[in-house]
Amino acid sequence: MINLRRSLFVLGVFLLSALPHANADSLLPGTVIPASVLPLPQGPVGNPLQYQIGYQNGVVSSGGFTANYVVQVFADPANVYCAGCLDFMYALGGLTTGQIDQFSVMGFSGLSTNAGYGYGFGAGGVAPTSIARDATGDIITFYFANPVMIGQRTAFLLVETNASAFDTKSAGSGTLNGLLTPEPIVPAPEPSTLLLLGTGLAGAASAIRRRLSAS
């Protein structure tokens, strides 16, 4: 029985080691973190949008305010998950009514995410104070203890992901509900990872059968 338990423990450790590791600063489902500054995916001088691969803008009337919104997608060479993985960057400004206390975006279920804010591209703005991800992992919310008022704009709100592709669709929830916005596509498991998992399961199962037969 002790040998069987030991085999099961080894199997568990092996499976965990075969799974992708979360970045230490990841925003996990069901957590809230203090908002901190992240480097923006800004290109070199003269071509600051070099890494931008997607863009959407419009007007949002939601949560008691009306403002312009911009969503940019970057294939970020310095992304925390992989070089070229996608960053989703949001900004709100041009308020005509109300104030911004929070801003929620969706589409992150099944993905690894790291979130923060930054300044760049020649613009400043009001920084969020905390960032939350709901229990499903789908919705990320930026909270502003100091609301964004008329005449102000937000800092750039950044979500780094492990996605490598995106689709532009009508948001199903969040502040941009019903508006077109780029959303990440959950990456399929790498064949090498699946092979490693399959080989490990088969090997561990064989070892357990041998130990049971010998007992």
N, C-alpha and C. Protein backbone atom coordinates (compact mmCIF):
# COMPACT_ATOMS: atom_id res chain seq x y z
N MET A 1 0.83 -1.21 0.00
CA MET A 1 0.00 0.00 0.00
C MET A 1 0.87 1.26 0.00
N ILE A 2 1.98 1.17 0.76
CA ILE A 2 2.88 2.34 0.80
C ILE A 2 3.47 2.59 -0.58
N ASN A 3 3.86 1.49 -1.26
CA ASN A 3 4.42 1.63 -2.60
C ASN A 3 3.39 2.20 -3.57
N LEU A 4 2.13 1.78 -3.42
CA LEU A 4 1.08 2.30 -4.29
C LEU A 4 0.89 3.79 -4.07
N ARG A 5 0.87 4.21 -2.82
CA ARG A 5 0.73 5.63 -2.53
C ARG A 5 1.90 6.42 -3.09
N ARG A 6 3.08 5.84 -2.97
CA ARG A 6 4.27 6.51 -3.49
C ARG A 6 4.18 6.67 -5.01
N SER A 7 3.67 5.64 -5.68
CA SER A 7 3.53 5.70 -7.13
C SER A 7 2.52 6.76 -7.54
N LEU A 8 1.41 6.85 -6.80
CA LEU A 8 0.41 7.87 -7.11
C LEU A 8 0.96 9.27 -6.88
N PHE A 9 1.76 9.42 -5.81
CA PHE A 9 2.37 10.72 -5.54
C PHE A 9 3.31 11.11 -6.66
N VAL A 10 4.13 10.16 -7.13
CA VAL A 10 5.06 10.44 -8.23
C VAL A 10 4.29 10.82 -9.48
N LEU A 11 3.18 10.12 -9.74
CA LEU A 11 2.35 10.45 -10.91
C LEU A 11 1.84 11.88 -10.82
N GLY A 12 1.35 12.27 -9.62
CA GLY A 12 0.84 13.63 -9.46
C GLY A 12 1.90 14.68 -9.70
N VAL A 13 3.08 14.45 -9.15
CA VAL A 13 4.19 15.39 -9.35
C VAL A 13 4.55 15.49 -10.82
N PHE A 14 4.56 14.35 -11.50
CA PHE A 14 4.91 14.35 -12.91
C PHE A 14 3.91 15.15 -13.73
N LEU A 15 2.62 14.94 -13.46
CA LEU A 15 1.59 15.65 -14.22
C LEU A 15 1.67 17.15 -13.99
N LEU A 16 1.91 17.55 -12.75
CA LEU A 16 2.04 18.98 -12.47
C LEU A 16 3.24 19.57 -13.17
N SER A 17 4.33 18.83 -13.23
CA SER A 17 5.54 19.35 -13.88
C SER A 17 5.36 19.45 -15.38
N ALA A 18 4.43 18.67 -15.95
CA ALA A 18 4.22 18.70 -17.40
C ALA A 18 3.31 19.83 -17.83
N LEU A 19 2.58 20.43 -16.88
CA LEU A 19 1.67 21.51 -17.21
C LEU A 19 2.43 22.82 -17.30
N PRO A 20 1.90 23.80 -18.13
CA PRO A 20 2.55 25.10 -18.22
C PRO A 20 2.59 25.77 -16.86
N HIS A 21 3.71 26.40 -16.54
CA HIS A 21 3.85 27.10 -15.27
C HIS A 21 3.25 28.49 -15.36
N ALA A 22 2.47 28.88 -14.34
CA ALA A 22 1.92 30.23 -14.29
C ALA A 22 3.01 31.20 -13.88
N ASN A 23 2.99 32.38 -14.48
CA ASN A 23 3.95 33.41 -14.09
C ASN A 23 3.66 33.84 -12.66
N ALA A 24 4.71 34.20 -11.94
CA ALA A 24 4.56 34.54 -10.53
C ALA A 24 3.62 35.72 -10.33
N ASP A 25 3.53 36.59 -11.31
CA ASP A 25 2.68 37.77 -11.19
C ASP A 25 1.31 37.57 -11.84
N SER A 26 0.93 36.35 -12.16
CA SER A 26 -0.30 36.10 -12.88
C SER A 26 -1.52 36.52 -12.07
N LEU A 27 -2.53 37.00 -12.79
CA LEU A 27 -3.82 37.31 -12.19
C LEU A 27 -4.69 36.07 -12.35
N LEU A 28 -4.85 35.33 -11.27
CA LEU A 28 -5.57 34.06 -11.32
C LEU A 28 -7.07 34.27 -11.13
N PRO A 29 -7.91 33.33 -11.60
CA PRO A 29 -9.36 33.44 -11.38
C PRO A 29 -9.68 33.55 -9.90
N GLY A 30 -10.61 34.46 -9.58
CA GLY A 30 -11.04 34.62 -8.21
C GLY A 30 -10.11 35.42 -7.34
N THR A 31 -9.19 36.17 -7.92
CA THR A 31 -8.23 36.93 -7.12
C THR A 31 -8.33 38.43 -7.42
N VAL A 32 -7.82 39.22 -6.46
CA VAL A 32 -7.72 40.68 -6.61
C VAL A 32 -6.28 41.05 -6.27
N ILE A 33 -5.67 41.88 -7.11
CA ILE A 33 -4.29 42.30 -6.87
C ILE A 33 -4.20 43.82 -6.90
N PRO A 34 -3.23 44.40 -6.20
CA PRO A 34 -2.99 45.84 -6.35
C PRO A 34 -2.53 46.13 -7.78
N ALA A 35 -2.98 47.22 -8.34
CA ALA A 35 -2.55 47.58 -9.69
C ALA A 35 -1.11 48.07 -9.65
N SER A 36 -0.31 47.56 -10.57
CA SER A 36 1.09 47.96 -10.63
C SER A 36 1.46 48.29 -12.07
N VAL A 37 2.56 49.00 -12.22
CA VAL A 37 3.01 49.43 -13.54
C VAL A 37 3.66 48.26 -14.29
N LEU A 38 3.26 48.08 -15.54
CA LEU A 38 3.87 47.10 -16.43
C LEU A 38 4.47 47.82 -17.63
N PRO A 39 5.53 47.29 -18.20
CA PRO A 39 6.06 47.89 -19.43
C PRO A 39 5.08 47.69 -20.58
N LEU A 40 4.84 48.74 -21.33
CA LEU A 40 3.93 48.65 -22.47
C LEU A 40 4.65 48.07 -23.69
N PRO A 41 3.90 47.43 -24.58
CA PRO A 41 4.51 46.83 -25.78
C PRO A 41 4.78 47.88 -26.87
N GLN A 42 5.52 48.88 -26.50
CA GLN A 42 5.79 50.00 -27.39
C GLN A 42 7.01 49.71 -28.26
N GLY A 43 6.89 50.00 -29.53
CA GLY A 43 7.99 49.78 -30.45
C GLY A 43 9.06 50.85 -30.33
N PRO A 44 10.07 50.80 -31.18
CA PRO A 44 11.17 51.76 -31.11
C PRO A 44 10.75 53.16 -31.52
N VAL A 45 11.59 54.11 -31.20
CA VAL A 45 11.33 55.50 -31.60
C VAL A 45 11.15 55.56 -33.11
N GLY A 46 10.11 56.23 -33.52
CA GLY A 46 9.81 56.34 -34.94
C GLY A 46 8.79 55.32 -35.42
N ASN A 47 8.60 54.24 -34.63
CA ASN A 47 7.61 53.23 -34.99
C ASN A 47 7.04 52.61 -33.71
N PRO A 48 6.36 53.43 -32.88
CA PRO A 48 5.89 52.94 -31.58
C PRO A 48 4.83 51.83 -31.68
N LEU A 49 4.13 51.75 -32.82
CA LEU A 49 3.09 50.74 -33.00
C LEU A 49 3.58 49.53 -33.80
N GLN A 50 4.86 49.29 -33.78
CA GLN A 50 5.45 48.21 -34.57
C GLN A 50 4.82 46.86 -34.26
N TYR A 51 4.46 46.62 -33.00
CA TYR A 51 3.98 45.29 -32.60
C TYR A 51 2.45 45.20 -32.59
N GLN A 52 1.77 46.28 -32.95
CA GLN A 52 0.30 46.25 -32.95
C GLN A 52 -0.22 45.41 -34.11
N ILE A 53 -1.16 44.48 -33.80
CA ILE A 53 -1.75 43.64 -34.83
C ILE A 53 -3.27 43.72 -34.86
N GLY A 54 -3.86 44.48 -33.92
CA GLY A 54 -5.31 44.62 -33.89
C GLY A 54 -5.71 45.93 -33.25
N TYR A 55 -6.88 46.45 -33.65
CA TYR A 55 -7.31 47.76 -33.15
C TYR A 55 -8.83 47.85 -33.26
N GLN A 56 -9.46 48.42 -32.25
CA GLN A 56 -10.90 48.69 -32.30
C GLN A 56 -11.19 49.89 -31.42
N ASN A 57 -12.06 50.77 -31.88
CA ASN A 57 -12.45 51.91 -31.06
C ASN A 57 -13.92 52.21 -31.26
N GLY A 58 -14.46 53.03 -30.36
CA GLY A 58 -15.86 53.39 -30.45
C GLY A 58 -16.26 54.22 -29.25
N VAL A 59 -17.57 54.31 -29.04
CA VAL A 59 -18.13 55.05 -27.91
C VAL A 59 -18.90 54.07 -27.03
N VAL A 60 -18.64 54.13 -25.73
CA VAL A 60 -19.32 53.25 -24.78
C VAL A 60 -20.16 54.08 -23.82
N SER A 61 -21.40 53.65 -23.62
CA SER A 61 -22.28 54.24 -22.60
C SER A 61 -22.66 53.11 -21.66
N SER A 62 -21.98 53.06 -20.52
CA SER A 62 -22.16 51.93 -19.62
C SER A 62 -21.67 52.31 -18.23
N GLY A 63 -22.33 51.75 -17.21
CA GLY A 63 -21.86 51.97 -15.85
C GLY A 63 -21.94 53.41 -15.40
N GLY A 64 -22.84 54.18 -15.96
CA GLY A 64 -23.03 55.55 -15.52
C GLY A 64 -22.12 56.56 -16.19
N PHE A 65 -21.47 56.20 -17.29
CA PHE A 65 -20.63 57.17 -18.00
C PHE A 65 -20.71 56.93 -19.50
N THR A 66 -20.34 57.95 -20.24
CA THR A 66 -20.21 57.85 -21.70
C THR A 66 -18.82 58.34 -22.06
N ALA A 67 -18.09 57.53 -22.83
CA ALA A 67 -16.70 57.87 -23.15
C ALA A 67 -16.27 57.16 -24.43
N ASN A 68 -15.15 57.60 -24.97
CA ASN A 68 -14.53 56.89 -26.08
C ASN A 68 -13.68 55.75 -25.53
N TYR A 69 -13.64 54.65 -26.25
CA TYR A 69 -12.77 53.55 -25.85
C TYR A 69 -11.90 53.11 -27.01
N VAL A 70 -10.74 52.60 -26.67
CA VAL A 70 -9.81 52.05 -27.65
C VAL A 70 -9.29 50.72 -27.12
N VAL A 71 -9.26 49.71 -27.99
CA VAL A 71 -8.65 48.41 -27.65
C VAL A 71 -7.58 48.13 -28.70
N GLN A 72 -6.37 47.85 -28.23
CA GLN A 72 -5.26 47.52 -29.12
C GLN A 72 -4.70 46.15 -28.75
N VAL A 73 -4.30 45.41 -29.77
CA VAL A 73 -3.72 44.08 -29.57
C VAL A 73 -2.29 44.11 -30.08
N PHE A 74 -1.37 43.60 -29.26
CA PHE A 74 0.05 43.60 -29.62
C PHE A 74 0.61 42.19 -29.53
N ALA A 75 1.44 41.83 -30.50
CA ALA A 75 2.27 40.62 -30.40
C ALA A 75 3.55 41.07 -29.69
N ASP A 76 3.57 40.89 -28.39
CA ASP A 76 4.58 41.51 -27.54
C ASP A 76 5.84 40.63 -27.44
N PRO A 77 6.98 41.12 -27.90
CA PRO A 77 8.21 40.32 -27.79
C PRO A 77 8.68 40.14 -26.36
N ALA A 78 8.17 40.97 -25.43
CA ALA A 78 8.56 40.87 -24.02
C ALA A 78 7.43 40.33 -23.15
N ASN A 79 6.41 39.73 -23.75
CA ASN A 79 5.30 39.15 -23.00
C ASN A 79 5.82 38.14 -21.98
N VAL A 80 5.21 38.11 -20.78
CA VAL A 80 5.72 37.27 -19.71
C VAL A 80 5.53 35.77 -19.99
N TYR A 81 4.65 35.41 -20.92
CA TYR A 81 4.37 34.01 -21.19
C TYR A 81 5.18 33.47 -22.37
N CYS A 82 5.32 34.26 -23.40
CA CYS A 82 6.16 33.84 -24.53
C CYS A 82 6.41 35.05 -25.41
N ALA A 83 7.51 35.05 -26.11
CA ALA A 83 7.81 36.13 -27.05
C ALA A 83 6.79 36.08 -28.18
N GLY A 84 6.04 37.16 -28.36
CA GLY A 84 5.03 37.20 -29.40
C GLY A 84 3.64 36.84 -28.93
N CYS A 85 3.49 36.41 -27.66
CA CYS A 85 2.14 36.21 -27.13
C CYS A 85 1.43 37.56 -27.05
N LEU A 86 0.11 37.50 -26.96
CA LEU A 86 -0.68 38.71 -27.16
C LEU A 86 -0.95 39.49 -25.88
N ASP A 87 -0.79 40.81 -26.01
CA ASP A 87 -1.20 41.78 -24.99
C ASP A 87 -2.46 42.48 -25.49
N PHE A 88 -3.41 42.70 -24.58
CA PHE A 88 -4.62 43.47 -24.90
C PHE A 88 -4.58 44.74 -24.06
N MET A 89 -4.60 45.89 -24.75
CA MET A 89 -4.43 47.17 -24.08
C MET A 89 -5.66 48.04 -24.31
N TYR A 90 -6.18 48.59 -23.21
CA TYR A 90 -7.43 49.35 -23.24
C TYR A 90 -7.17 50.78 -22.74
N ALA A 91 -7.96 51.71 -23.24
CA ALA A 91 -7.91 53.09 -22.75
C ALA A 91 -9.28 53.72 -22.93
N LEU A 92 -9.64 54.56 -21.98
CA LEU A 92 -10.90 55.30 -22.03
C LEU A 92 -10.60 56.78 -21.86
N GLY A 93 -11.32 57.61 -22.60
CA GLY A 93 -11.13 59.06 -22.50
C GLY A 93 -12.28 59.78 -23.19
N GLY A 94 -12.18 61.09 -23.24
CA GLY A 94 -13.22 61.87 -23.90
C GLY A 94 -14.58 61.73 -23.24
N LEU A 95 -14.61 61.66 -21.89
CA LEU A 95 -15.88 61.52 -21.18
C LEU A 95 -16.79 62.71 -21.48
N THR A 96 -18.06 62.39 -21.70
CA THR A 96 -19.06 63.45 -21.88
C THR A 96 -20.07 63.47 -20.74
N THR A 97 -20.22 62.30 -20.06
CA THR A 97 -21.11 62.24 -18.90
C THR A 97 -20.51 61.27 -17.88
N GLY A 98 -20.80 61.53 -16.60
CA GLY A 98 -20.44 60.61 -15.54
C GLY A 98 -18.97 60.57 -15.20
N GLN A 99 -18.57 59.50 -14.51
CA GLN A 99 -17.19 59.28 -14.12
C GLN A 99 -16.92 57.78 -14.15
N ILE A 100 -15.65 57.41 -14.29
CA ILE A 100 -15.28 56.00 -14.40
C ILE A 100 -14.74 55.52 -13.06
N ASP A 101 -15.48 54.63 -12.42
CA ASP A 101 -15.04 54.01 -11.17
C ASP A 101 -14.43 52.63 -11.42
N GLN A 102 -14.89 51.98 -12.49
CA GLN A 102 -14.38 50.66 -12.83
C GLN A 102 -14.59 50.38 -14.32
N PHE A 103 -13.81 49.46 -14.81
CA PHE A 103 -13.86 49.10 -16.22
C PHE A 103 -13.62 47.60 -16.33
N SER A 104 -14.59 46.87 -16.91
CA SER A 104 -14.51 45.42 -16.99
C SER A 104 -14.41 44.97 -18.45
N VAL A 105 -13.55 43.98 -18.67
CA VAL A 105 -13.39 43.40 -20.01
C VAL A 105 -13.49 41.89 -19.89
N MET A 106 -13.94 41.24 -20.97
CA MET A 106 -14.19 39.81 -20.92
C MET A 106 -13.40 39.06 -21.98
N GLY A 107 -13.49 37.73 -21.91
CA GLY A 107 -12.90 36.89 -22.94
C GLY A 107 -11.63 36.17 -22.51
N PHE A 108 -11.37 36.08 -21.20
CA PHE A 108 -10.10 35.54 -20.73
C PHE A 108 -10.21 34.16 -20.08
N SER A 109 -11.37 33.54 -20.17
CA SER A 109 -11.55 32.21 -19.61
C SER A 109 -10.61 31.21 -20.28
N GLY A 110 -9.96 30.39 -19.48
CA GLY A 110 -9.05 29.38 -20.02
C GLY A 110 -7.66 29.87 -20.35
N LEU A 111 -7.38 31.14 -20.06
CA LEU A 111 -6.09 31.73 -20.40
C LEU A 111 -5.30 32.10 -19.15
N SER A 112 -3.98 32.14 -19.29
CA SER A 112 -3.13 32.73 -18.27
C SER A 112 -3.11 34.24 -18.51
N THR A 113 -3.22 35.02 -17.44
CA THR A 113 -3.24 36.47 -17.59
C THR A 113 -2.36 37.15 -16.54
N ASN A 114 -1.80 38.26 -16.94
CA ASN A 114 -1.06 39.15 -16.05
C ASN A 114 -1.55 40.55 -16.38
N ALA A 115 -1.90 41.33 -15.38
CA ALA A 115 -2.54 42.62 -15.66
C ALA A 115 -1.90 43.74 -14.86
N GLY A 116 -1.96 44.93 -15.44
CA GLY A 116 -1.43 46.13 -14.79
C GLY A 116 -1.78 47.34 -15.63
N TYR A 117 -0.99 48.38 -15.50
CA TYR A 117 -1.23 49.59 -16.29
C TYR A 117 0.12 50.19 -16.65
N GLY A 118 0.08 51.15 -17.57
CA GLY A 118 1.32 51.78 -17.97
C GLY A 118 1.09 53.11 -18.65
N TYR A 119 2.20 53.80 -18.88
CA TYR A 119 2.18 55.09 -19.57
C TYR A 119 3.13 55.00 -20.75
N GLY A 120 2.73 55.61 -21.83
CA GLY A 120 3.56 55.58 -23.02
C GLY A 120 2.79 56.10 -24.21
N PHE A 121 3.38 55.96 -25.38
CA PHE A 121 2.75 56.43 -26.62
C PHE A 121 2.38 57.91 -26.51
N GLY A 122 3.12 58.65 -25.70
CA GLY A 122 2.89 60.09 -25.58
C GLY A 122 1.67 60.47 -24.76
N ALA A 123 1.13 59.54 -23.95
CA ALA A 123 -0.08 59.84 -23.19
C ALA A 123 0.10 59.46 -21.73
N GLY A 124 -0.59 60.19 -20.84
CA GLY A 124 -0.62 59.87 -19.42
C GLY A 124 -1.97 59.30 -19.05
N GLY A 125 -2.48 59.66 -17.88
CA GLY A 125 -3.81 59.22 -17.50
C GLY A 125 -3.91 58.79 -16.05
N VAL A 126 -5.15 58.55 -15.61
CA VAL A 126 -5.44 58.13 -14.24
C VAL A 126 -5.21 56.63 -14.11
N ALA A 127 -4.47 56.24 -13.09
CA ALA A 127 -4.13 54.83 -12.91
C ALA A 127 -5.19 54.11 -12.09
N PRO A 128 -5.44 52.84 -12.38
CA PRO A 128 -6.31 52.04 -11.50
C PRO A 128 -5.58 51.73 -10.21
N THR A 129 -6.34 51.36 -9.18
CA THR A 129 -5.73 51.05 -7.89
C THR A 129 -5.74 49.55 -7.59
N SER A 130 -6.67 48.81 -8.18
CA SER A 130 -6.69 47.36 -8.00
C SER A 130 -7.29 46.72 -9.24
N ILE A 131 -7.01 45.41 -9.39
CA ILE A 131 -7.47 44.66 -10.55
C ILE A 131 -7.99 43.31 -10.06
N ALA A 132 -9.17 42.92 -10.53
CA ALA A 132 -9.78 41.67 -10.10
C ALA A 132 -10.10 40.79 -11.31
N ARG A 133 -10.08 39.49 -11.07
CA ARG A 133 -10.52 38.52 -12.08
C ARG A 133 -11.61 37.67 -11.44
N ASP A 134 -12.75 37.51 -12.12
CA ASP A 134 -13.85 36.78 -11.50
C ASP A 134 -13.53 35.29 -11.40
N ALA A 135 -14.39 34.57 -10.67
CA ALA A 135 -14.12 33.16 -10.37
C ALA A 135 -14.07 32.29 -11.62
N THR A 136 -14.77 32.69 -12.68
CA THR A 136 -14.74 31.91 -13.92
C THR A 136 -13.47 32.16 -14.73
N GLY A 137 -12.76 33.25 -14.39
CA GLY A 137 -11.57 33.62 -15.15
C GLY A 137 -11.86 34.43 -16.38
N ASP A 138 -13.14 34.67 -16.68
CA ASP A 138 -13.50 35.31 -17.93
C ASP A 138 -13.39 36.84 -17.89
N ILE A 139 -13.77 37.44 -16.77
CA ILE A 139 -13.88 38.90 -16.70
C ILE A 139 -12.79 39.49 -15.81
N ILE A 140 -12.11 40.49 -16.32
CA ILE A 140 -11.09 41.24 -15.56
C ILE A 140 -11.60 42.67 -15.37
N THR A 141 -11.53 43.15 -14.13
CA THR A 141 -12.05 44.48 -13.81
C THR A 141 -10.95 45.35 -13.21
N PHE A 142 -10.81 46.54 -13.77
CA PHE A 142 -9.88 47.55 -13.24
C PHE A 142 -10.70 48.53 -12.39
N TYR A 143 -10.27 48.72 -11.14
CA TYR A 143 -10.98 49.62 -10.22
C TYR A 143 -10.16 50.89 -10.00
N PHE A 144 -10.90 52.01 -9.95
CA PHE A 144 -10.28 53.32 -9.76
C PHE A 144 -10.78 53.93 -8.45
N ALA A 145 -9.93 53.95 -7.42
CA ALA A 145 -10.30 54.60 -6.16
C ALA A 145 -10.45 56.10 -6.37
N ASN A 146 -9.65 56.64 -7.29
CA ASN A 146 -9.79 58.04 -7.72
C ASN A 146 -10.43 58.03 -9.10
N PRO A 147 -11.73 58.27 -9.18
CA PRO A 147 -12.43 58.12 -10.45
C PRO A 147 -11.86 59.00 -11.56
N VAL A 148 -12.02 58.51 -12.77
CA VAL A 148 -11.64 59.28 -13.97
C VAL A 148 -12.79 60.24 -14.27
N MET A 149 -12.48 61.53 -14.31
CA MET A 149 -13.50 62.56 -14.47
C MET A 149 -13.47 63.13 -15.88
N ILE A 150 -14.50 63.93 -16.19
CA ILE A 150 -14.55 64.64 -17.47
C ILE A 150 -13.29 65.49 -17.62
N GLY A 151 -12.67 65.41 -18.78
CA GLY A 151 -11.41 66.11 -19.03
C GLY A 151 -10.19 65.25 -18.76
N GLN A 152 -10.39 64.04 -18.21
CA GLN A 152 -9.30 63.13 -17.95
C GLN A 152 -9.43 61.87 -18.81
N ARG A 153 -8.41 61.03 -18.77
CA ARG A 153 -8.43 59.74 -19.44
C ARG A 153 -7.77 58.71 -18.52
N THR A 154 -7.98 57.45 -18.83
CA THR A 154 -7.31 56.42 -18.05
C THR A 154 -5.87 56.27 -18.51
N ALA A 155 -5.05 55.71 -17.65
CA ALA A 155 -3.76 55.19 -18.11
C ALA A 155 -4.06 54.03 -19.05
N PHE A 156 -3.04 53.52 -19.72
CA PHE A 156 -3.24 52.33 -20.54
C PHE A 156 -3.41 51.12 -19.62
N LEU A 157 -4.48 50.37 -19.82
CA LEU A 157 -4.81 49.22 -19.00
C LEU A 157 -4.39 47.97 -19.78
N LEU A 158 -3.47 47.22 -19.22
CA LEU A 158 -2.81 46.15 -19.98
C LEU A 158 -3.14 44.77 -19.41
N VAL A 159 -3.48 43.83 -20.31
CA VAL A 159 -3.65 42.43 -19.93
C VAL A 159 -2.74 41.60 -20.83
N GLU A 160 -1.71 41.00 -20.24
CA GLU A 160 -0.85 40.08 -20.97
C GLU A 160 -1.48 38.68 -20.91
N THR A 161 -1.45 37.95 -22.03
CA THR A 161 -2.03 36.62 -22.07
C THR A 161 -1.05 35.64 -22.71
N ASN A 162 -1.39 34.36 -22.63
CA ASN A 162 -0.61 33.33 -23.32
C ASN A 162 -1.24 32.97 -24.66
N ALA A 163 -2.19 33.80 -25.12
CA ALA A 163 -2.83 33.57 -26.42
C ALA A 163 -1.90 34.00 -27.55
N SER A 164 -2.07 33.35 -28.70
CA SER A 164 -1.29 33.73 -29.88
C SER A 164 -2.19 34.16 -31.03
N ALA A 165 -3.51 34.17 -30.80
CA ALA A 165 -4.46 34.59 -31.84
C ALA A 165 -5.65 35.26 -31.17
N PHE A 166 -6.38 36.06 -31.93
CA PHE A 166 -7.55 36.75 -31.39
C PHE A 166 -8.63 36.85 -32.46
N ASP A 167 -9.82 37.20 -32.00
CA ASP A 167 -10.96 37.40 -32.90
C ASP A 167 -11.68 38.66 -32.44
N THR A 168 -12.21 39.43 -33.38
CA THR A 168 -12.97 40.62 -33.03
C THR A 168 -14.46 40.28 -33.10
N LYS A 169 -15.15 40.48 -31.98
CA LYS A 169 -16.55 40.11 -31.90
C LYS A 169 -17.28 41.05 -30.95
N SER A 170 -18.59 40.90 -30.89
CA SER A 170 -19.40 41.70 -29.98
C SER A 170 -19.25 41.14 -28.57
N ALA A 171 -18.85 41.99 -27.64
CA ALA A 171 -18.65 41.54 -26.26
C ALA A 171 -19.98 41.09 -25.67
N GLY A 172 -19.94 39.99 -24.91
CA GLY A 172 -21.16 39.45 -24.31
C GLY A 172 -21.42 39.93 -22.91
N SER A 173 -20.46 40.62 -22.30
CA SER A 173 -20.63 41.16 -20.95
C SER A 173 -19.54 42.19 -20.71
N GLY A 174 -19.49 42.71 -19.49
CA GLY A 174 -18.49 43.71 -19.17
C GLY A 174 -18.91 45.11 -19.60
N THR A 175 -18.01 46.06 -19.41
CA THR A 175 -18.30 47.45 -19.75
C THR A 175 -18.59 47.63 -21.23
N LEU A 176 -17.94 46.84 -22.08
CA LEU A 176 -18.11 46.97 -23.53
C LEU A 176 -19.17 46.02 -24.07
N ASN A 177 -20.08 45.60 -23.23
CA ASN A 177 -21.14 44.67 -23.63
C ASN A 177 -21.88 45.16 -24.88
N GLY A 178 -21.92 44.30 -25.91
CA GLY A 178 -22.61 44.64 -27.15
C GLY A 178 -21.77 45.40 -28.15
N LEU A 179 -20.55 45.77 -27.77
CA LEU A 179 -19.67 46.53 -28.66
C LEU A 179 -18.58 45.63 -29.22
N LEU A 180 -18.10 45.96 -30.40
CA LEU A 180 -17.03 45.19 -31.01
C LEU A 180 -15.74 45.36 -30.21
N THR A 181 -15.09 44.25 -29.94
CA THR A 181 -13.83 44.29 -29.21
C THR A 181 -13.01 43.05 -29.52
N PRO A 182 -11.70 43.18 -29.68
CA PRO A 182 -10.85 42.00 -29.87
C PRO A 182 -10.83 41.13 -28.61
N GLU A 183 -10.93 39.82 -28.79
CA GLU A 183 -10.87 38.88 -27.68
C GLU A 183 -9.87 37.77 -28.01
N PRO A 184 -9.10 37.33 -27.02
CA PRO A 184 -8.11 36.28 -27.27
C PRO A 184 -8.77 34.94 -27.55
N ILE A 185 -8.07 34.10 -28.30
CA ILE A 185 -8.50 32.73 -28.56
C ILE A 185 -7.65 31.80 -27.69
N VAL A 186 -8.30 30.91 -26.95
CA VAL A 186 -7.58 30.00 -26.07
C VAL A 186 -6.69 29.09 -26.90
N PRO A 187 -5.40 29.04 -26.61
CA PRO A 187 -4.49 28.19 -27.40
C PRO A 187 -4.74 26.71 -27.13
N ALA A 188 -4.59 25.90 -28.17
CA ALA A 188 -4.70 24.44 -28.01
C ALA A 188 -3.43 23.93 -27.34
N PRO A 189 -3.54 22.84 -26.56
CA PRO A 189 -2.33 22.28 -25.93
C PRO A 189 -1.31 21.89 -26.98
N GLU A 190 -0.03 22.12 -26.69
CA GLU A 190 1.02 21.76 -27.62
C GLU A 190 1.11 20.25 -27.74
N PRO A 191 1.34 19.71 -28.94
CA PRO A 191 1.46 18.25 -29.12
C PRO A 191 2.50 17.62 -28.21
N SER A 192 3.61 18.34 -27.97
CA SER A 192 4.66 17.79 -27.12
C SER A 192 4.17 17.62 -25.69
N THR A 193 3.33 18.57 -25.23
CA THR A 193 2.78 18.46 -23.87
C THR A 193 1.83 17.29 -23.76
N LEU A 194 0.97 17.12 -24.79
CA LEU A 194 0.05 15.99 -24.79
C LEU A 194 0.79 14.66 -24.82
N LEU A 195 1.85 14.60 -25.63
CA LEU A 195 2.64 13.37 -25.71
C LEU A 195 3.30 13.08 -24.37
N LEU A 196 3.82 14.11 -23.73
CA LEU A 196 4.47 13.93 -22.43
C LEU A 196 3.48 13.43 -21.40
N LEU A 197 2.28 14.02 -21.39
CA LEU A 197 1.26 13.59 -20.45
C LEU A 197 0.85 12.14 -20.70
N GLY A 198 0.65 11.79 -21.97
CA GLY A 198 0.24 10.44 -22.32
C GLY A 198 1.29 9.42 -21.94
N THR A 199 2.53 9.72 -22.23
CA THR A 199 3.63 8.81 -21.89
C THR A 199 3.74 8.65 -20.38
N GLY A 200 3.60 9.73 -19.65
CA GLY A 200 3.70 9.67 -18.20
C GLY A 200 2.58 8.85 -17.59
N LEU A 201 1.35 9.05 -18.09
CA LEU A 201 0.21 8.28 -17.58
C LEU A 201 0.39 6.80 -17.83
N ALA A 202 0.82 6.45 -19.06
CA ALA A 202 1.00 5.04 -19.39
C ALA A 202 2.09 4.41 -18.54
N GLY A 203 3.21 5.11 -18.37
CA GLY A 203 4.31 4.58 -17.58
C GLY A 203 3.94 4.41 -16.12
N ALA A 204 3.26 5.43 -15.56
CA ALA A 204 2.89 5.35 -14.15
C ALA A 204 1.85 4.25 -13.92
N ALA A 205 0.89 4.12 -14.84
CA ALA A 205 -0.12 3.07 -14.70
C ALA A 205 0.53 1.69 -14.74
N SER A 206 1.51 1.50 -15.62
CA SER A 206 2.21 0.22 -15.73
C SER A 206 2.96 -0.09 -14.44
N ALA A 207 3.61 0.94 -13.87
CA ALA A 207 4.34 0.74 -12.63
C ALA A 207 3.40 0.37 -11.49
N ILE A 208 2.23 1.02 -11.44
CA ILE A 208 1.27 0.70 -10.38
C ILE A 208 0.77 -0.73 -10.52
N ARG A 209 0.49 -1.19 -11.77
CA ARG A 209 0.02 -2.56 -11.99
C ARG A 209 1.07 -3.57 -11.54
N ARG A 210 2.34 -3.29 -11.84
CA ARG A 210 3.39 -4.19 -11.43
C ARG A 210 3.48 -4.31 -9.91
N ARG A 211 3.34 -3.17 -9.23
CA ARG A 211 3.44 -3.20 -7.77
C ARG A 211 2.24 -3.93 -7.16
N LEU A 212 1.06 -3.75 -7.76
CA LEU A 212 -0.13 -4.45 -7.25
C LEU A 212 0.00 -5.95 -7.45
N SER A 213 0.57 -6.36 -8.59
CA SER A 213 0.74 -7.78 -8.89
C SER A 213 1.74 -8.42 -7.94
N ALA A 214 2.76 -7.64 -7.54
CA ALA A 214 3.80 -8.17 -6.68
C ALA A 214 3.38 -8.22 -5.22
N SER A 215 2.32 -7.50 -4.86
CA SER A 215 1.91 -7.46 -3.44
C SER A 215 1.01 -8.62 -3.07
